[in-house]
């Protein structure tokens, strides 16, 4: 059985290979991409609750975020995960449905 992480990794590799030569996929460093992902998750959650500053395309940041912003976003996401996990338990999500125990 293919896990979600394996599927995501295969999808990421396929995406990079498909875009190779068309888009400069390696213009941004991996740490900058990780930082952007963490901060973007927090921003998307804020926009889910308070939808302001919405745009069709969000440009990728050219420089690193300040450390307090990254630490705050990580703390927020970890706190939300800690609050939500007991509500749903350890039920894995497969193909869009929650598997019953």
C-alpha atoms as a PDB file:
ATOM      1  CA  UNK A   1       0.000   0.000   0.000  1.00  0.00           C
ATOM      2  CA  UNK A   2       1.291   3.452  -0.878  1.00  0.00           C
ATOM      3  CA  UNK A   3       1.388   5.895   2.026  1.00  0.00           C
ATOM      4  CA  UNK A   4       0.569   9.567   1.730  1.00  0.00           C
ATOM      5  CA  UNK A   5       4.223  10.543   2.131  1.00  0.00           C
ATOM      6  CA  UNK A   6       5.312   8.207  -0.660  1.00  0.00           C
ATOM      7  CA  UNK A   7       2.597   9.540  -2.935  1.00  0.00           C
ATOM      8  CA  UNK A   8       3.556  13.148  -2.128  1.00  0.00           C
ATOM      9  CA  UNK A   9       7.240  12.436  -2.794  1.00  0.00           C
ATOM     10  CA  UNK A  10       6.473  10.788  -6.123  1.00  0.00           C
ATOM     11  CA  UNK A  11       4.217  13.683  -7.064  1.00  0.00           C
ATOM     12  CA  UNK A  12       6.932  16.213  -6.175  1.00  0.00           C
ATOM     13  CA  UNK A  13       9.525  14.378  -8.283  1.00  0.00           C
ATOM     14  CA  UNK A  14       7.106  14.125 -11.215  1.00  0.00           C
ATOM     15  CA  UNK A  15       6.329  17.844 -10.963  1.00  0.00           C
ATOM     16  CA  UNK A  16       9.995  18.864 -10.954  1.00  0.00           C
ATOM     17  CA  UNK A  17      10.752  16.569 -13.899  1.00  0.00           C
ATOM     18  CA  UNK A  18       7.757  17.866 -15.859  1.00  0.00           C
ATOM     19  CA  UNK A  19       8.748  21.492 -15.303  1.00  0.00           C
ATOM     20  CA  UNK A  20      12.456  20.990 -16.012  1.00  0.00           C
ATOM     21  CA  UNK A  21      13.469  23.289 -18.830  1.00  0.00           C
ATOM     22  CA  UNK A  22      10.178  25.183 -18.790  1.00  0.00           C
ATOM     23  CA  UNK A  23      10.376  26.858 -15.400  1.00  0.00           C
ATOM     24  CA  UNK A  24      13.445  27.686 -13.351  1.00  0.00           C
ATOM     25  CA  UNK A  25      12.519  25.306 -10.523  1.00  0.00           C
ATOM     26  CA  UNK A  26      15.818  25.618  -8.669  1.00  0.00           C
ATOM     27  CA  UNK A  27      15.945  29.417  -8.496  1.00  0.00           C
ATOM     28  CA  UNK A  28      14.984  29.357  -4.814  1.00  0.00           C
ATOM     29  CA  UNK A  29      16.983  27.449  -2.226  1.00  0.00           C
ATOM     30  CA  UNK A  30      15.434  24.597  -0.260  1.00  0.00           C
ATOM     31  CA  UNK A  31      15.563  26.421   3.112  1.00  0.00           C
ATOM     32  CA  UNK A  32      13.764  29.396   1.564  1.00  0.00           C
ATOM     33  CA  UNK A  33      11.101  27.049   0.193  1.00  0.00           C
ATOM     34  CA  UNK A  34      10.606  25.436   3.621  1.00  0.00           C
ATOM     35  CA  UNK A  35      10.321  28.832   5.282  1.00  0.00           C
ATOM     36  CA  UNK A  36       7.823  29.969   2.669  1.00  0.00           C
ATOM     37  CA  UNK A  37       5.737  26.812   3.174  1.00  0.00           C
ATOM     38  CA  UNK A  38       5.583  27.278   6.952  1.00  0.00           C
ATOM     39  CA  UNK A  39       4.688  30.967   6.759  1.00  0.00           C
ATOM     40  CA  UNK A  40       2.203  30.351   3.926  1.00  0.00           C
ATOM     41  CA  UNK A  41       0.318  27.729   5.979  1.00  0.00           C
ATOM     42  CA  UNK A  42      -0.134  30.268   8.768  1.00  0.00           C
ATOM     43  CA  UNK A  43      -1.177  32.988   6.321  1.00  0.00           C
ATOM     44  CA  UNK A  44      -3.711  30.678   4.629  1.00  0.00           C
ATOM     45  CA  UNK A  45      -5.221  29.773   7.998  1.00  0.00           C
ATOM     46  CA  UNK A  46      -5.550  33.474   8.828  1.00  0.00           C
ATOM     47  CA  UNK A  47      -7.141  34.126   5.448  1.00  0.00           C
ATOM     48  CA  UNK A  48      -9.570  31.266   6.052  1.00  0.00           C
ATOM     49  CA  UNK A  49     -10.848  33.062   9.142  1.00  0.00           C
ATOM     50  CA  UNK A  50     -10.325  36.683   8.049  1.00  0.00           C
ATOM     51  CA  UNK A  51     -10.224  36.868   4.219  1.00  0.00           C
ATOM     52  CA  UNK A  52      -8.268  40.052   3.528  1.00  0.00           C
ATOM     53  CA  UNK A  53      -5.243  40.634   1.292  1.00  0.00           C
ATOM     54  CA  UNK A  54      -6.380  37.929  -1.137  1.00  0.00           C
ATOM     55  CA  UNK A  55      -4.769  37.649  -4.570  1.00  0.00           C
ATOM     56  CA  UNK A  56      -4.884  35.373  -7.577  1.00  0.00           C
ATOM     57  CA  UNK A  57      -1.130  34.818  -7.551  1.00  0.00           C
ATOM     58  CA  UNK A  58       1.113  35.112  -4.522  1.00  0.00           C
ATOM     59  CA  UNK A  59       4.710  35.958  -5.478  1.00  0.00           C
ATOM     60  CA  UNK A  60       7.450  33.891  -3.912  1.00  0.00           C
ATOM     61  CA  UNK A  61       9.569  35.881  -1.457  1.00  0.00           C
ATOM     62  CA  UNK A  62      13.045  36.707  -2.713  1.00  0.00           C
ATOM     63  CA  UNK A  63      14.617  36.777   0.752  1.00  0.00           C
ATOM     64  CA  UNK A  64      14.371  34.879   4.017  1.00  0.00           C
ATOM     65  CA  UNK A  65      11.726  35.718   6.607  1.00  0.00           C
ATOM     66  CA  UNK A  66      12.829  37.110   9.989  1.00  0.00           C
ATOM     67  CA  UNK A  67      13.310  34.418  12.632  1.00  0.00           C
ATOM     68  CA  UNK A  68      10.493  35.646  14.953  1.00  0.00           C
ATOM     69  CA  UNK A  69       7.957  35.272  12.132  1.00  0.00           C
ATOM     70  CA  UNK A  70       9.080  31.729  11.349  1.00  0.00           C
ATOM     71  CA  UNK A  71       9.162  30.751  15.039  1.00  0.00           C
ATOM     72  CA  UNK A  72       5.683  32.211  15.567  1.00  0.00           C
ATOM     73  CA  UNK A  73       4.266  30.349  12.570  1.00  0.00           C
ATOM     74  CA  UNK A  74       5.829  27.076  13.718  1.00  0.00           C
ATOM     75  CA  UNK A  75       4.449  27.601  17.235  1.00  0.00           C
ATOM     76  CA  UNK A  76       0.987  28.375  15.842  1.00  0.00           C
ATOM     77  CA  UNK A  77       0.920  25.301  13.597  1.00  0.00           C
ATOM     78  CA  UNK A  78       2.204  23.031  16.383  1.00  0.00           C
ATOM     79  CA  UNK A  79      -0.367  24.409  18.835  1.00  0.00           C
ATOM     80  CA  UNK A  80      -3.196  23.873  16.346  1.00  0.00           C
ATOM     81  CA  UNK A  81      -1.993  20.330  15.640  1.00  0.00           C
ATOM     82  CA  UNK A  82      -1.857  19.625  19.370  1.00  0.00           C
ATOM     83  CA  UNK A  83      -5.410  20.925  19.811  1.00  0.00           C
ATOM     84  CA  UNK A  84      -6.872  19.138  16.768  1.00  0.00           C
ATOM     85  CA  UNK A  85      -5.176  15.736  17.118  1.00  0.00           C
ATOM     86  CA  UNK A  86      -7.173  14.616  20.200  1.00  0.00           C
ATOM     87  CA  UNK A  87     -10.386  15.503  18.394  1.00  0.00           C
ATOM     88  CA  UNK A  88      -9.686  13.129  15.509  1.00  0.00           C
ATOM     89  CA  UNK A  89      -7.298  10.698  17.140  1.00  0.00           C
ATOM     90  CA  UNK A  90      -4.848   8.788  15.022  1.00  0.00           C
ATOM     91  CA  UNK A  91      -7.249   7.892  12.231  1.00  0.00           C
ATOM     92  CA  UNK A  92      -5.345   8.011   8.955  1.00  0.00           C
ATOM     93  CA  UNK A  93      -6.984   9.772   6.063  1.00  0.00           C
ATOM     94  CA  UNK A  94      -6.934   7.762   2.854  1.00  0.00           C
ATOM     95  CA  UNK A  95      -8.335   8.891  -0.475  1.00  0.00           C
ATOM     96  CA  UNK A  96     -10.401  11.682   1.026  1.00  0.00           C
ATOM     97  CA  UNK A  97     -12.253   9.675   3.658  1.00  0.00           C
ATOM     98  CA  UNK A  98     -11.462   9.019   7.295  1.00  0.00           C
ATOM     99  CA  UNK A  99     -11.041   5.317   7.899  1.00  0.00           C
ATOM    100  CA  UNK A 100     -13.188   3.996  10.739  1.00  0.00           C
ATOM    101  CA  UNK A 101     -11.573   1.921  13.442  1.00  0.00           C
END
